[in-house]
Amino acid sequence: MKTMKMLISMVVGSASAVYAATGMQGEGAGILAYFFVGFFALIIVTQLVPAMILFFGMVKGLFSSSEKTSVKVD
């Protein structure tokens, strides 16, 4: 119980330091960084389309009946 009280007091005590450090501002990301992230997001989305098609085809194959009728011609 004593360690729990010490842990809680350390977390609460460090929270004020976190809020004090938020005043620092950087230059931020430029337009090229956004294009870079957007390009890779586009690649991921275009890879998801065929993956979803294959996944739904697999699920459809698992739950469909596997009986096939064949007709013999003599």
PDB file of N, CA and C in Angstrom:
ATOM      1  N   MET A   1       0.827  -1.188   0.000  1.00  0.00           N
ATOM      2  CA  MET A   1       0.000   0.000   0.000  1.00  0.00           C
ATOM      3  C   MET A   1       0.873   1.254   0.000  1.00  0.00           C
ATOM      4  N   LYS A   2       2.010   1.146   0.704  1.00  0.00           N
ATOM      5  CA  LYS A   2       2.903   2.283   0.786  1.00  0.00           C
ATOM      6  C   LYS A   2       3.505   2.601  -0.584  1.00  0.00           C
ATOM      7  N   THR A   3       3.841   1.560  -1.346  1.00  0.00           N
ATOM      8  CA  THR A   3       4.406   1.791  -2.678  1.00  0.00           C
ATOM      9  C   THR A   3       3.362   2.363  -3.629  1.00  0.00           C
ATOM     10  N   MET A   4       2.103   1.981  -3.440  1.00  0.00           N
ATOM     11  CA  MET A   4       1.040   2.510  -4.283  1.00  0.00           C
ATOM     12  C   MET A   4       0.843   3.997  -4.038  1.00  0.00           C
ATOM     13  N   LYS A   5       0.901   4.419  -2.778  1.00  0.00           N
ATOM     14  CA  LYS A   5       0.777   5.842  -2.461  1.00  0.00           C
ATOM     15  C   LYS A   5       1.942   6.624  -3.046  1.00  0.00           C
ATOM     16  N   MET A   6       3.147   6.049  -2.976  1.00  0.00           N
ATOM     17  CA  MET A   6       4.316   6.724  -3.514  1.00  0.00           C
ATOM     18  C   MET A   6       4.213   6.824  -5.036  1.00  0.00           C
ATOM     19  N   LEU A   7       3.731   5.770  -5.689  1.00  0.00           N
ATOM     20  CA  LEU A   7       3.573   5.777  -7.143  1.00  0.00           C
ATOM     21  C   LEU A   7       2.550   6.825  -7.577  1.00  0.00           C
ATOM     22  N   ILE A   8       1.436   6.900  -6.878  1.00  0.00           N
ATOM     23  CA  ILE A   8       0.405   7.883  -7.221  1.00  0.00           C
ATOM     24  C   ILE A   8       0.925   9.297  -7.032  1.00  0.00           C
ATOM     25  N   SER A   9       1.661   9.536  -5.931  1.00  0.00           N
ATOM     26  CA  SER A   9       2.193  10.874  -5.716  1.00  0.00           C
ATOM     27  C   SER A   9       3.236  11.249  -6.765  1.00  0.00           C
ATOM     28  N   MET A  10       4.013  10.291  -7.244  1.00  0.00           N
ATOM     29  CA  MET A  10       4.998  10.586  -8.295  1.00  0.00           C
ATOM     30  C   MET A  10       4.312  10.918  -9.614  1.00  0.00           C
ATOM     31  N   VAL A  11       3.248  10.200  -9.940  1.00  0.00           N
ATOM     32  CA  VAL A  11       2.527  10.465 -11.188  1.00  0.00           C
ATOM     33  C   VAL A  11       1.855  11.835 -11.137  1.00  0.00           C
ATOM     34  N   VAL A  12       1.217  12.136 -10.023  1.00  0.00           N
ATOM     35  CA  VAL A  12       0.548  13.434  -9.884  1.00  0.00           C
ATOM     36  C   VAL A  12       1.574  14.565  -9.869  1.00  0.00           C
ATOM     37  N   GLY A  13       2.704  14.338  -9.245  1.00  0.00           N
ATOM     38  CA  GLY A  13       3.737  15.363  -9.189  1.00  0.00           C
ATOM     39  C   GLY A  13       4.390  15.623 -10.532  1.00  0.00           C
ATOM     40  N   SER A  14       4.498  14.615 -11.360  1.00  0.00           N
ATOM     41  CA  SER A  14       5.126  14.811 -12.663  1.00  0.00           C
ATOM     42  C   SER A  14       4.157  15.384 -13.690  1.00  0.00           C
ATOM     43  N   ALA A  15       2.871  15.367 -13.407  1.00  0.00           N
ATOM     44  CA  ALA A  15       1.893  15.902 -14.353  1.00  0.00           C
ATOM     45  C   ALA A  15       2.046  17.402 -14.522  1.00  0.00           C
ATOM     46  N   SER A  16       2.420  18.099 -13.459  1.00  0.00           N
ATOM     47  CA  SER A  16       2.583  19.544 -13.581  1.00  0.00           C
ATOM     48  C   SER A  16       3.768  19.887 -14.475  1.00  0.00           C
ATOM     49  N   ALA A  17       4.816  19.079 -14.445  1.00  0.00           N
ATOM     50  CA  ALA A  17       5.971  19.318 -15.306  1.00  0.00           C
ATOM     51  C   ALA A  17       5.605  19.098 -16.768  1.00  0.00           C
ATOM     52  N   VAL A  18       4.741  18.164 -17.015  1.00  0.00           N
ATOM     53  CA  VAL A  18       4.310  17.901 -18.393  1.00  0.00           C
ATOM     54  C   VAL A  18       3.529  19.081 -18.942  1.00  0.00           C
ATOM     55  N   TYR A  19       2.630  19.629 -18.139  1.00  0.00           N
ATOM     56  CA  TYR A  19       1.852  20.773 -18.598  1.00  0.00           C
ATOM     57  C   TYR A  19       2.714  22.021 -18.752  1.00  0.00           C
ATOM     58  N   ALA A  20       3.772  22.136 -17.964  1.00  0.00           N
ATOM     59  CA  ALA A  20       4.653  23.286 -18.072  1.00  0.00           C
ATOM     60  C   ALA A  20       5.501  23.215 -19.333  1.00  0.00           C
ATOM     61  N   ALA A  21       5.790  22.026 -19.835  1.00  0.00           N
ATOM     62  CA  ALA A  21       6.662  21.860 -20.993  1.00  0.00           C
ATOM     63  C   ALA A  21       5.933  22.033 -22.311  1.00  0.00           C
ATOM     64  N   THR A  22       4.630  22.224 -22.309  1.00  0.00           N
ATOM     65  CA  THR A  22       3.894  22.314 -23.566  1.00  0.00           C
ATOM     66  C   THR A  22       4.027  23.673 -24.241  1.00  0.00           C
ATOM     67  N   GLY A  23       4.654  24.629 -23.604  1.00  0.00           N
ATOM     68  CA  GLY A  23       4.805  25.952 -24.198  1.00  0.00           C
ATOM     69  C   GLY A  23       5.838  25.993 -25.302  1.00  0.00           C
ATOM     70  N   MET A  24       6.620  24.951 -25.459  1.00  0.00           N
ATOM     71  CA  MET A  24       7.653  24.922 -26.486  1.00  0.00           C
ATOM     72  C   MET A  24       7.025  24.680 -27.857  1.00  0.00           C
ATOM     73  N   GLN A  25       7.352  25.516 -28.826  1.00  0.00           N
ATOM     74  CA  GLN A  25       6.797  25.369 -30.159  1.00  0.00           C
ATOM     75  C   GLN A  25       7.917  25.143 -31.157  1.00  0.00           C
ATOM     76  N   GLY A  26       7.659  24.259 -32.078  1.00  0.00           N
ATOM     77  CA  GLY A  26       8.623  24.004 -33.135  1.00  0.00           C
ATOM     78  C   GLY A  26       8.136  24.600 -34.435  1.00  0.00           C
ATOM     79  N   GLU A  27       8.859  24.326 -35.489  1.00  0.00           N
ATOM     80  CA  GLU A  27       8.471  24.852 -36.797  1.00  0.00           C
ATOM     81  C   GLU A  27       7.282  24.099 -37.383  1.00  0.00           C
ATOM     82  N   GLY A  28       7.084  22.887 -36.975  1.00  0.00           N
ATOM     83  CA  GLY A  28       5.986  22.096 -37.507  1.00  0.00           C
ATOM     84  C   GLY A  28       6.401  21.369 -38.771  1.00  0.00           C
ATOM     85  N   ALA A  29       5.506  20.588 -39.291  1.00  0.00           N
ATOM     86  CA  ALA A  29       5.779  19.815 -40.488  1.00  0.00           C
ATOM     87  C   ALA A  29       5.478  20.657 -41.721  1.00  0.00           C
ATOM     88  N   GLY A  30       6.300  20.529 -42.711  1.00  0.00           N
ATOM     89  CA  GLY A  30       6.105  21.262 -43.950  1.00  0.00           C
ATOM     90  C   GLY A  30       5.184  20.531 -44.894  1.00  0.00           C
ATOM     91  N   ILE A  31       4.970  21.125 -46.048  1.00  0.00           N
ATOM     92  CA  ILE A  31       4.064  20.543 -47.036  1.00  0.00           C
ATOM     93  C   ILE A  31       4.611  19.240 -47.606  1.00  0.00           C
ATOM     94  N   LEU A  32       5.939  19.130 -47.719  1.00  0.00           N
ATOM     95  CA  LEU A  32       6.524  17.891 -48.233  1.00  0.00           C
ATOM     96  C   LEU A  32       6.325  16.733 -47.265  1.00  0.00           C
ATOM     97  N   ALA A  33       6.333  17.005 -45.972  1.00  0.00           N
ATOM     98  CA  ALA A  33       6.081  15.951 -44.987  1.00  0.00           C
ATOM     99  C   ALA A  33       4.653  15.438 -45.126  1.00  0.00           C
ATOM    100  N   TYR A  34       3.710  16.350 -45.353  1.00  0.00           N
ATOM    101  CA  TYR A  34       2.322  15.924 -45.535  1.00  0.00           C
ATOM    102  C   TYR A  34       2.147  15.126 -46.831  1.00  0.00           C
ATOM    103  N   PHE A  35       2.832  15.514 -47.896  1.00  0.00           N
ATOM    104  CA  PHE A  35       2.786  14.731 -49.132  1.00  0.00           C
ATOM    105  C   PHE A  35       3.398  13.351 -48.934  1.00  0.00           C
ATOM    106  N   PHE A  36       4.474  13.279 -48.168  1.00  0.00           N
ATOM    107  CA  PHE A  36       5.137  12.007 -47.890  1.00  0.00           C
ATOM    108  C   PHE A  36       4.201  11.066 -47.141  1.00  0.00           C
ATOM    109  N   VAL A  37       3.566  11.552 -46.098  1.00  0.00           N
ATOM    110  CA  VAL A  37       2.643  10.730 -45.322  1.00  0.00           C
ATOM    111  C   VAL A  37       1.413  10.376 -46.158  1.00  0.00           C
ATOM    112  N   GLY A  38       0.918  11.319 -46.940  1.00  0.00           N
ATOM    113  CA  GLY A  38      -0.243  11.052 -47.787  1.00  0.00           C
ATOM    114  C   GLY A  38       0.031  10.023 -48.862  1.00  0.00           C
ATOM    115  N   PHE A  39       1.243  10.043 -49.412  1.00  0.00           N
ATOM    116  CA  PHE A  39       1.615   9.074 -50.439  1.00  0.00           C
ATOM    117  C   PHE A  39       1.602   7.659 -49.876  1.00  0.00           C
ATOM    118  N   PHE A  40       2.169   7.487 -48.695  1.00  0.00           N
ATOM    119  CA  PHE A  40       2.172   6.152 -48.096  1.00  0.00           C
ATOM    120  C   PHE A  40       0.792   5.740 -47.607  1.00  0.00           C
ATOM    121  N   ALA A  41      -0.032   6.681 -47.212  1.00  0.00           N
ATOM    122  CA  ALA A  41      -1.414   6.352 -46.868  1.00  0.00           C
ATOM    123  C   ALA A  41      -2.171   5.882 -48.109  1.00  0.00           C
ATOM    124  N   LEU A  42      -1.887   6.505 -49.245  1.00  0.00           N
ATOM    125  CA  LEU A  42      -2.511   6.087 -50.497  1.00  0.00           C
ATOM    126  C   LEU A  42      -2.084   4.675 -50.880  1.00  0.00           C
ATOM    127  N   ILE A  43      -0.833   4.356 -50.680  1.00  0.00           N
ATOM    128  CA  ILE A  43      -0.339   3.000 -50.966  1.00  0.00           C
ATOM    129  C   ILE A  43      -1.049   1.987 -50.078  1.00  0.00           C
ATOM    130  N   ILE A  44      -1.202   2.293 -48.800  1.00  0.00           N
ATOM    131  CA  ILE A  44      -1.854   1.364 -47.877  1.00  0.00           C
ATOM    132  C   ILE A  44      -3.314   1.168 -48.257  1.00  0.00           C
ATOM    133  N   VAL A  45      -4.000   2.229 -48.616  1.00  0.00           N
ATOM    134  CA  VAL A  45      -5.419   2.119 -48.983  1.00  0.00           C
ATOM    135  C   VAL A  45      -5.572   1.297 -50.259  1.00  0.00           C
ATOM    136  N   THR A  46      -4.702   1.505 -51.239  1.00  0.00           N
ATOM    137  CA  THR A  46      -4.823   0.739 -52.477  1.00  0.00           C
ATOM    138  C   THR A  46      -4.465  -0.727 -52.263  1.00  0.00           C
ATOM    139  N   GLN A  47      -3.692  -1.045 -51.265  1.00  0.00           N
ATOM    140  CA  GLN A  47      -3.416  -2.442 -50.945  1.00  0.00           C
ATOM    141  C   GLN A  47      -4.573  -3.083 -50.178  1.00  0.00           C
ATOM    142  N   LEU A  48      -5.376  -2.273 -49.498  1.00  0.00           N
ATOM    143  CA  LEU A  48      -6.499  -2.815 -48.749  1.00  0.00           C
ATOM    144  C   LEU A  48      -7.636  -3.277 -49.654  1.00  0.00           C
ATOM    145  N   VAL A  49      -7.787  -2.669 -50.816  1.00  0.00           N
ATOM    146  CA  VAL A  49      -8.891  -3.032 -51.716  1.00  0.00           C
ATOM    147  C   VAL A  49      -8.768  -4.485 -52.177  1.00  0.00           C
ATOM    148  N   PRO A  50      -7.643  -4.924 -52.764  1.00  0.00           N
ATOM    149  CA  PRO A  50      -7.562  -6.337 -53.146  1.00  0.00           C
ATOM    150  C   PRO A  50      -7.555  -7.276 -51.943  1.00  0.00           C
ATOM    151  N   ALA A  51      -7.036  -6.825 -50.810  1.00  0.00           N
ATOM    152  CA  ALA A  51      -7.045  -7.668 -49.618  1.00  0.00           C
ATOM    153  C   ALA A  51      -8.471  -7.930 -49.159  1.00  0.00           C
ATOM    154  N   MET A  52      -9.322  -6.910 -49.205  1.00  0.00           N
ATOM    155  CA  MET A  52     -10.720  -7.097 -48.811  1.00  0.00           C
ATOM    156  C   MET A  52     -11.454  -8.003 -49.798  1.00  0.00           C
ATOM    157  N   ILE A  53     -11.164  -7.866 -51.085  1.00  0.00           N
ATOM    158  CA  ILE A  53     -11.796  -8.733 -52.086  1.00  0.00           C
ATOM    159  C   ILE A  53     -11.422 -10.187 -51.841  1.00  0.00           C
ATOM    160  N   LEU A  54     -10.126 -10.438 -51.579  1.00  0.00           N
ATOM    161  CA  LEU A  54      -9.691 -11.806 -51.295  1.00  0.00           C
ATOM    162  C   LEU A  54     -10.283 -12.318 -49.995  1.00  0.00           C
ATOM    163  N   PHE A  55     -10.371 -11.474 -48.985  1.00  0.00           N
ATOM    164  CA  PHE A  55     -10.920 -11.898 -47.701  1.00  0.00           C
ATOM    165  C   PHE A  55     -12.388 -12.281 -47.827  1.00  0.00           C
ATOM    166  N   PHE A  56     -13.182 -11.446 -48.500  1.00  0.00           N
ATOM    167  CA  PHE A  56     -14.597 -11.765 -48.654  1.00  0.00           C
ATOM    168  C   PHE A  56     -14.800 -13.000 -49.535  1.00  0.00           C
ATOM    169  N   GLY A  57     -13.936 -13.198 -50.532  1.00  0.00           N
ATOM    170  CA  GLY A  57     -14.012 -14.416 -51.327  1.00  0.00           C
ATOM    171  C   GLY A  57     -13.704 -15.650 -50.509  1.00  0.00           C
ATOM    172  N   MET A  58     -12.735 -15.540 -49.595  1.00  0.00           N
ATOM    173  CA  MET A  58     -12.396 -16.662 -48.736  1.00  0.00           C
ATOM    174  C   MET A  58     -13.534 -16.986 -47.777  1.00  0.00           C
ATOM    175  N   VAL A  59     -14.134 -15.951 -47.186  1.00  0.00           N
ATOM    176  CA  VAL A  59     -15.253 -16.172 -46.266  1.00  0.00           C
ATOM    177  C   VAL A  59     -16.442 -16.766 -47.009  1.00  0.00           C
ATOM    178  N   LYS A  60     -16.694 -16.286 -48.204  1.00  0.00           N
ATOM    179  CA  LYS A  60     -17.795 -16.829 -49.012  1.00  0.00           C
ATOM    180  C   LYS A  60     -17.536 -18.296 -49.345  1.00  0.00           C
ATOM    181  N   GLY A  61     -16.287 -18.632 -49.655  1.00  0.00           N
ATOM    182  CA  GLY A  61     -15.945 -20.018 -49.943  1.00  0.00           C
ATOM    183  C   GLY A  61     -16.050 -20.920 -48.731  1.00  0.00           C
ATOM    184  N   LEU A  62     -15.777 -20.389 -47.558  1.00  0.00           N
ATOM    185  CA  LEU A  62     -15.871 -21.196 -46.351  1.00  0.00           C
ATOM    186  C   LEU A  62     -17.313 -21.512 -45.979  1.00  0.00           C
ATOM    187  N   PHE A  63     -18.209 -20.563 -46.176  1.00  0.00           N
ATOM    188  CA  PHE A  63     -19.580 -20.741 -45.734  1.00  0.00           C
ATOM    189  C   PHE A  63     -20.536 -21.186 -46.839  1.00  0.00           C
ATOM    190  N   SER A  64     -20.066 -21.359 -48.038  1.00  0.00           N
ATOM    191  CA  SER A  64     -20.956 -21.842 -49.103  1.00  0.00           C
ATOM    192  C   SER A  64     -20.945 -23.370 -49.109  1.00  0.00           C
ATOM    193  N   SER A  65     -21.977 -23.936 -49.697  1.00  0.00           N
ATOM    194  CA  SER A  65     -22.043 -25.392 -49.751  1.00  0.00           C
ATOM    195  C   SER A  65     -21.026 -25.912 -50.758  1.00  0.00           C
ATOM    196  N   SER A  66     -20.418 -27.024 -50.405  1.00  0.00           N
ATOM    197  CA  SER A  66     -19.359 -27.561 -51.259  1.00  0.00           C
ATOM    198  C   SER A  66     -19.863 -28.646 -52.190  1.00  0.00           C
ATOM    199  N   GLU A  67     -21.169 -28.855 -52.237  1.00  0.00           N
ATOM    200  CA  GLU A  67     -21.719 -29.886 -53.118  1.00  0.00           C
ATOM    201  C   GLU A  67     -21.805 -29.365 -54.546  1.00  0.00           C
ATOM    202  N   LYS A  68     -21.229 -30.120 -55.449  1.00  0.00           N
ATOM    203  CA  LYS A  68     -21.319 -29.792 -56.869  1.00  0.00           C
ATOM    204  C   LYS A  68     -21.894 -31.010 -57.581  1.00  0.00           C
ATOM    205  N   THR A  69     -22.877 -30.752 -58.400  1.00  0.00           N
ATOM    206  CA  THR A  69     -23.472 -31.868 -59.120  1.00  0.00           C
ATOM    207  C   THR A  69     -22.864 -31.941 -60.502  1.00  0.00           C
ATOM    208  N   SER A  70     -22.524 -33.139 -60.870  1.00  0.00           N
ATOM    209  CA  SER A  70     -21.987 -33.358 -62.210  1.00  0.00           C
ATOM    210  C   SER A  70     -22.918 -34.335 -62.943  1.00  0.00           C
ATOM    211  N   VAL A  71     -23.053 -34.114 -64.199  1.00  0.00           N
ATOM    212  CA  VAL A  71     -23.939 -34.944 -65.017  1.00  0.00           C
ATOM    213  C   VAL A  71     -23.071 -35.818 -65.903  1.00  0.00           C
ATOM    214  N   LYS A  72     -23.321 -37.131 -65.833  1.00  0.00           N
ATOM    215  CA  LYS A  72     -22.595 -38.059 -66.698  1.00  0.00           C
ATOM    216  C   LYS A  72     -23.328 -38.208 -68.004  1.00  0.00           C
ATOM    217  N   VAL A  73     -22.608 -38.099 -69.076  1.00  0.00           N
ATOM    218  CA  VAL A  73     -23.193 -38.294 -70.395  1.00  0.00           C
ATOM    219  C   VAL A  73     -22.682 -39.607 -70.955  1.00  0.00           C
ATOM    220  N   ASP A  74     -23.583 -40.538 -71.280  1.00  0.00           N
ATOM    221  CA  ASP A  74     -23.180 -41.847 -71.846  1.00  0.00           C
ATOM    222  C   ASP A  74     -23.404 -41.901 -73.310  1.00  0.00           C
TER     223      ASP A  74
END
